[in-house]
Amino acid sequence: MAEVRLQEGESLENALRRFKRKVQQEDIIKEVKRHSYYLKPGEKMRIKQALARKRNRKKIKRESD
C-alpha cells in the first residue's frame, strides 16, 4: 500500500507527485488491472507467450542496429 505523508511546508501538488511516483514504482496499477477480470490459464499463457515474442523481436531489432 503506497502511503505519502505531507511534509512540513510541502505543497499538496508535490505530495501528489510523490504519491504517483511511488504507486508507479510499486506496480500497483498493473496489479489492479491484472486482477480486474479473470483469464483462463490458456489465455494467460497465450498472452505471456505473445509478450515474450514481442520482447524478443524488439531485442533482435536493437541488436541489429
Protein backbone atom coordinates (compact mmCIF):
# COMPACT_ATOMS: atom_id res chain seq x y z
CA MET A 1 0.00 0.00 0.00
CA ALA A 2 1.52 3.30 -1.08
CA GLU A 3 1.50 5.98 1.56
CA VAL A 4 2.86 9.51 1.43
CA ARG A 5 2.85 11.85 4.38
CA LEU A 6 2.69 15.59 3.79
CA GLN A 7 5.99 17.11 4.88
CA GLU A 8 6.14 20.40 6.69
CA GLY A 9 5.88 23.29 4.23
CA GLU A 10 5.26 20.94 1.26
CA SER A 11 2.54 21.77 -1.23
CA LEU A 12 -0.22 19.31 -1.99
CA GLU A 13 0.88 19.14 -5.63
CA ASN A 14 4.35 17.97 -4.66
CA ALA A 15 2.93 15.34 -2.31
CA LEU A 16 0.59 14.13 -5.04
CA ARG A 17 3.52 13.91 -7.47
CA ARG A 18 5.48 11.83 -4.92
CA PHE A 19 2.44 9.59 -4.40
CA LYS A 20 2.02 8.97 -8.14
CA ARG A 21 5.71 8.12 -8.47
CA LYS A 22 5.50 5.71 -5.54
CA VAL A 23 2.42 4.00 -6.97
CA GLN A 24 4.20 3.54 -10.30
CA GLN A 25 7.31 2.13 -8.65
CA GLU A 26 5.29 -0.42 -6.70
CA ASP A 27 3.34 -1.50 -9.84
CA ILE A 28 0.03 -1.08 -8.02
CA ILE A 29 -1.86 0.00 -11.16
CA LYS A 30 -0.58 -3.01 -13.13
CA GLU A 31 -1.63 -5.34 -10.31
CA VAL A 32 -5.14 -3.85 -10.11
CA LYS A 33 -5.63 -4.17 -13.87
CA ARG A 34 -4.41 -7.76 -13.76
CA HIS A 35 -6.95 -8.69 -11.08
CA SER A 36 -9.85 -6.72 -12.57
CA TYR A 37 -11.04 -9.70 -14.63
CA TYR A 38 -10.46 -13.45 -14.82
CA LEU A 39 -8.33 -15.03 -17.51
CA LYS A 40 -8.40 -18.73 -18.20
CA PRO A 41 -5.00 -20.38 -17.76
CA GLY A 42 -4.72 -20.99 -21.51
CA GLU A 43 -5.45 -17.35 -22.31
CA LYS A 44 -2.92 -16.24 -19.70
CA MET A 45 -0.30 -18.50 -21.29
CA ARG A 46 -1.01 -17.16 -24.80
CA ILE A 47 -0.69 -13.56 -23.62
CA LYS A 48 2.55 -14.35 -21.82
CA GLN A 49 3.99 -16.04 -24.93
CA ALA A 50 2.92 -13.14 -27.14
CA LEU A 51 4.68 -10.67 -24.84
CA ALA A 52 7.82 -12.84 -24.90
CA ARG A 53 7.78 -12.90 -28.71
CA LYS A 54 7.36 -9.13 -28.77
CA ARG A 55 10.29 -8.66 -26.37
CA ASN A 56 12.49 -10.97 -28.46
CA ARG A 57 11.65 -9.14 -31.69
CA LYS A 58 12.47 -5.84 -30.01
CA LYS A 59 15.75 -7.21 -28.66
CA ILE A 60 16.81 -8.61 -32.05
CA LYS A 61 15.92 -5.31 -33.73
CA ARG A 62 18.04 -3.35 -31.22
CA GLU A 63 21.00 -5.73 -31.64
CA SER A 64 20.92 -5.44 -35.45
CA ASP A 65 21.03 -1.61 -35.37
